Every structure is written in C-alpha cells, then in structure tokens.
Amino acid sequence: MPDTQPVDISTIPFTDAEGAEHTLGEYTGKTVLVVNVASKCGLTPQYEQLEQLQRTYGDRGLQVIGFPCNQFMGQEPGSMEEILEFCSITYGVTFPVMAKVRVNGAHAAPLYKALKKTPNVERARGPVQWNFEKFLVTPSGTVHRFRPPTKPDAPEVIAAIEAALAA
C-alpha cells in the first residue's frame, strides 16, 4: 500500500465542465478518486475500470472524478463537449468529468499542486508522470497515490478503496 500523508485539500476550488466552482468539501464523508484523464492515450481504456469502480463502490461512498488534461503529448485535444461525448458514448461514464486542467508546471491547478505533495509507493513525490495518475482521498483527508500504469482495479487500489470505505 502506498505511503500516505494527511492533506487538507477540501477547500481548494476546481471547475466543472459547465464552469461552476466546486471543492472536495462537497464530498465530505466520501472517498474520492481523482484522476487526470485523456481520450487519446494508450491508457484511455482505464476509463472502463474507473466507471466500474464508480458502479461497484458508489453506493458505499466512492466518488470518481475525472480531470481532463492535455499536457501529455496533446492526448486530450478536444473541447469539453467532445470530451464529455467521448466519455459517455465510448465508456458509459457516469462519474463527473471536470473542466480541463494542467497538472504540472507553474500553471497547474491548485488541487493538483496539493495532491502532488503525496508520495507514491516508491516514496516519490512530485510531478504527475502521465495521464491516469490516481489520487485516492479518504474521508479523513489521507491521500494514496497510484502512478498511471497502475490500473484502477489493481489489488492495491481496491485494497485502499476497501479500507477507506470500511473506516
């Protein structure tokens, strides 16, 4: 299981696909899986597993949230309308997909600036490596970080979700 650290990120604002502002505080009591997503990436099939997690664990308190990002080789070039249509038609996505964000660099979204302080299983912190990096935020504010190649249904992700939902 990845190392964790408590992070108070519940008041950091982010924007949804329609331009409304939200915070993770709206999901108080829930376990939230934050993922930077892209529709033209070799890892794009992870959308299917993310949706399955939402369907399997949503009633127990899991909320998956996708943040489209075009920072990695231009793999999310579409408009928000195109992104939402792709997610719905191709993968039947029912979880919220927010407005496009930058996850690295000086103009990274504030939520990602905070999340990147969390180490992964190898105790490495820092930039998001690629599309589909996952941050599991527990109701207590603990963050678990999973690098892009780790599939959403990997045993270590499922174990972290199960533990957070049982707490």
Protein backbone atom coordinates (compact mmCIF):
# COMPACT_ATOMS: atom_id res chain seq x y z
CA MET A 1 0.00 0.00 0.00
CA PRO A 2 1.37 3.47 -0.86
CA ASP A 3 2.64 5.78 1.83
CA THR A 4 0.10 8.36 2.88
CA GLN A 5 0.07 11.77 4.42
CA PRO A 6 -2.81 13.88 5.68
CA VAL A 7 -3.50 16.77 3.33
CA ASP A 8 -6.20 19.38 3.84
CA ILE A 9 -7.46 19.81 0.32
CA SER A 10 -11.19 20.05 0.99
CA THR A 11 -11.42 23.79 0.32
CA ILE A 12 -9.33 24.01 -2.86
CA PRO A 13 -11.61 25.12 -5.71
CA PHE A 14 -11.89 23.45 -9.10
CA THR A 15 -14.26 23.94 -12.02
CA ASP A 16 -16.72 21.52 -13.57
CA ALA A 17 -17.39 21.09 -17.30
CA GLU A 18 -20.08 23.79 -17.21
CA GLY A 19 -17.85 26.33 -15.44
CA ALA A 20 -19.29 26.04 -11.91
CA GLU A 21 -16.85 26.04 -8.99
CA HIS A 22 -16.64 23.10 -6.60
CA THR A 23 -14.41 21.73 -3.83
CA LEU A 24 -13.78 18.29 -2.43
CA GLY A 25 -15.58 19.54 0.66
CA GLU A 26 -18.81 18.81 -1.25
CA TYR A 27 -17.89 15.14 -0.94
CA THR A 28 -17.50 15.14 2.85
CA GLY A 29 -17.75 11.59 4.17
CA LYS A 30 -16.93 10.10 0.78
CA THR A 31 -13.78 8.52 -0.57
CA VAL A 32 -12.80 10.38 -3.74
CA LEU A 33 -10.66 9.03 -6.56
CA VAL A 34 -9.18 11.98 -8.50
CA VAL A 35 -7.76 11.03 -11.92
CA ASN A 36 -6.28 13.11 -14.74
CA VAL A 37 -7.79 11.62 -17.87
CA ALA A 38 -7.28 11.79 -21.64
CA SER A 39 -9.20 10.32 -24.56
CA LYS A 40 -6.32 9.70 -26.97
CA CYS A 41 -3.88 7.90 -24.69
CA GLY A 42 -2.72 4.30 -24.54
CA LEU A 43 -4.14 4.23 -21.01
CA THR A 44 -7.58 5.55 -22.08
CA PRO A 45 -9.17 2.09 -21.59
CA GLN A 46 -8.76 2.77 -17.84
CA TYR A 47 -11.99 4.79 -18.20
CA GLU A 48 -13.80 1.45 -18.28
CA GLN A 49 -12.25 0.35 -14.98
CA LEU A 50 -12.88 3.77 -13.40
CA GLU A 51 -16.54 3.54 -14.37
CA GLN A 52 -16.71 0.02 -12.95
CA LEU A 53 -15.27 1.28 -9.65
CA GLN A 54 -17.93 4.01 -9.58
CA ARG A 55 -20.70 1.48 -10.23
CA THR A 56 -19.35 -1.06 -7.74
CA TYR A 57 -18.48 1.25 -4.87
CA GLY A 58 -20.54 4.39 -5.48
CA ASP A 59 -23.37 3.28 -3.21
CA ARG A 60 -20.81 2.62 -0.46
CA GLY A 61 -19.30 6.11 -0.66
CA LEU A 62 -16.75 6.18 -3.50
CA GLN A 63 -16.78 9.10 -5.93
CA VAL A 64 -14.57 9.01 -9.03
CA ILE A 65 -13.79 12.43 -10.53
CA GLY A 66 -12.04 12.86 -13.88
CA PHE A 67 -9.94 15.89 -14.76
CA PRO A 68 -9.11 16.02 -18.50
CA CYS A 69 -5.53 17.09 -19.16
CA ASN A 70 -3.85 17.88 -22.47
CA GLN A 71 -0.31 18.24 -21.07
CA PHE A 72 1.00 14.86 -22.17
CA MET A 73 1.67 14.78 -25.91
CA GLY A 74 -1.64 16.54 -26.64
CA GLN A 75 -3.68 13.44 -25.80
CA GLU A 76 -6.78 15.42 -24.73
CA PRO A 77 -7.15 17.99 -27.53
CA GLY A 78 -10.96 18.12 -27.72
CA SER A 79 -13.43 20.67 -26.45
CA MET A 80 -15.31 19.89 -23.24
CA GLU A 81 -18.34 18.93 -25.33
CA GLU A 82 -16.23 16.47 -27.34
CA ILE A 83 -14.62 15.06 -24.19
CA LEU A 84 -17.96 14.51 -22.44
CA GLU A 85 -19.46 12.91 -25.55
CA PHE A 86 -16.45 10.59 -25.91
CA CYS A 87 -16.66 9.54 -22.25
CA SER A 88 -20.39 8.89 -22.42
CA ILE A 89 -20.54 7.09 -25.78
CA THR A 90 -17.29 5.13 -25.60
CA TYR A 91 -17.18 4.16 -21.92
CA GLY A 92 -20.62 4.96 -20.49
CA VAL A 93 -19.02 7.27 -17.93
CA THR A 94 -21.43 8.39 -15.22
CA PHE A 95 -18.89 9.93 -12.82
CA PRO A 96 -18.25 13.69 -13.10
CA VAL A 97 -15.70 14.89 -15.62
CA MET A 98 -14.48 18.37 -14.70
CA ALA A 99 -13.03 21.16 -16.81
CA LYS A 100 -9.62 20.62 -18.40
CA VAL A 101 -6.69 21.29 -16.10
CA ARG A 102 -2.94 21.46 -16.13
CA VAL A 103 -1.46 19.06 -13.59
CA ASN A 104 2.20 20.09 -13.79
CA GLY A 105 4.16 23.31 -14.09
CA ALA A 106 3.63 26.86 -12.90
CA HIS A 107 0.03 26.90 -14.09
CA ALA A 108 -1.01 23.59 -12.54
CA ALA A 109 -4.47 23.52 -10.98
CA PRO A 110 -4.31 24.26 -7.24
CA LEU A 111 -5.83 20.88 -6.41
CA TYR A 112 -3.05 19.11 -8.31
CA LYS A 113 -0.38 21.31 -6.71
CA ALA A 114 -1.58 19.97 -3.35
CA LEU A 115 -2.06 16.37 -4.47
CA LYS A 116 1.44 16.14 -5.94
CA LYS A 117 2.92 16.53 -2.46
CA THR A 118 1.74 12.98 -1.76
CA PRO A 119 4.37 10.25 -2.27
CA ASN A 120 3.61 7.10 -4.23
CA VAL A 121 4.51 3.56 -3.21
CA GLU A 122 8.18 4.19 -4.05
CA ARG A 123 8.05 7.26 -1.78
CA ALA A 124 8.44 9.54 -4.82
CA ARG A 125 6.64 12.85 -4.80
CA GLY A 126 6.45 15.47 -7.48
CA PRO A 127 5.05 15.85 -10.95
CA VAL A 128 2.28 13.75 -12.36
CA GLN A 129 4.03 11.31 -14.67
CA TRP A 130 1.35 10.87 -17.33
CA ASN A 131 -2.38 10.61 -17.93
CA PHE A 132 -4.38 8.47 -15.50
CA GLU A 133 -2.37 9.14 -12.34
CA LYS A 134 -4.72 8.38 -9.45
CA PHE A 135 -5.12 10.07 -6.06
CA LEU A 136 -7.45 8.38 -3.58
CA VAL A 137 -8.60 10.88 -0.95
CA THR A 138 -10.14 9.29 2.15
CA PRO A 139 -12.81 10.96 4.28
CA SER A 140 -10.11 11.74 6.87
CA GLY A 141 -8.04 13.58 4.23
CA THR A 142 -5.36 10.93 3.77
CA VAL A 143 -4.19 10.67 0.15
CA HIS A 144 -2.96 7.49 -1.57
CA ARG A 145 -1.13 7.99 -4.87
CA PHE A 146 -1.03 5.49 -7.73
CA ARG A 147 1.05 6.09 -10.85
CA PRO A 148 -0.52 5.85 -14.34
CA PRO A 149 0.39 2.23 -15.18
CA THR A 150 -1.42 1.06 -12.03
CA LYS A 151 -4.87 0.09 -13.25
CA PRO A 152 -7.90 1.34 -11.33
CA ASP A 153 -8.84 -2.26 -10.48
CA ALA A 154 -5.34 -3.26 -9.34
CA PRO A 155 -5.29 -5.10 -6.00
CA GLU A 156 -3.52 -2.23 -4.22
CA VAL A 157 -6.11 0.30 -5.43
CA ILE A 158 -9.02 -1.95 -4.46
CA ALA A 159 -7.44 -2.58 -1.03
CA ALA A 160 -7.06 1.18 -0.42
CA ILE A 161 -10.67 1.82 -1.51
CA GLU A 162 -12.00 -1.01 0.66
CA ALA A 163 -10.01 0.21 3.68
CA ALA A 164 -11.22 3.79 3.23
CA LEU A 165 -14.85 2.70 2.85
CA ALA A 166 -14.61 0.46 5.94
CA ALA A 167 -13.15 3.19 8.15
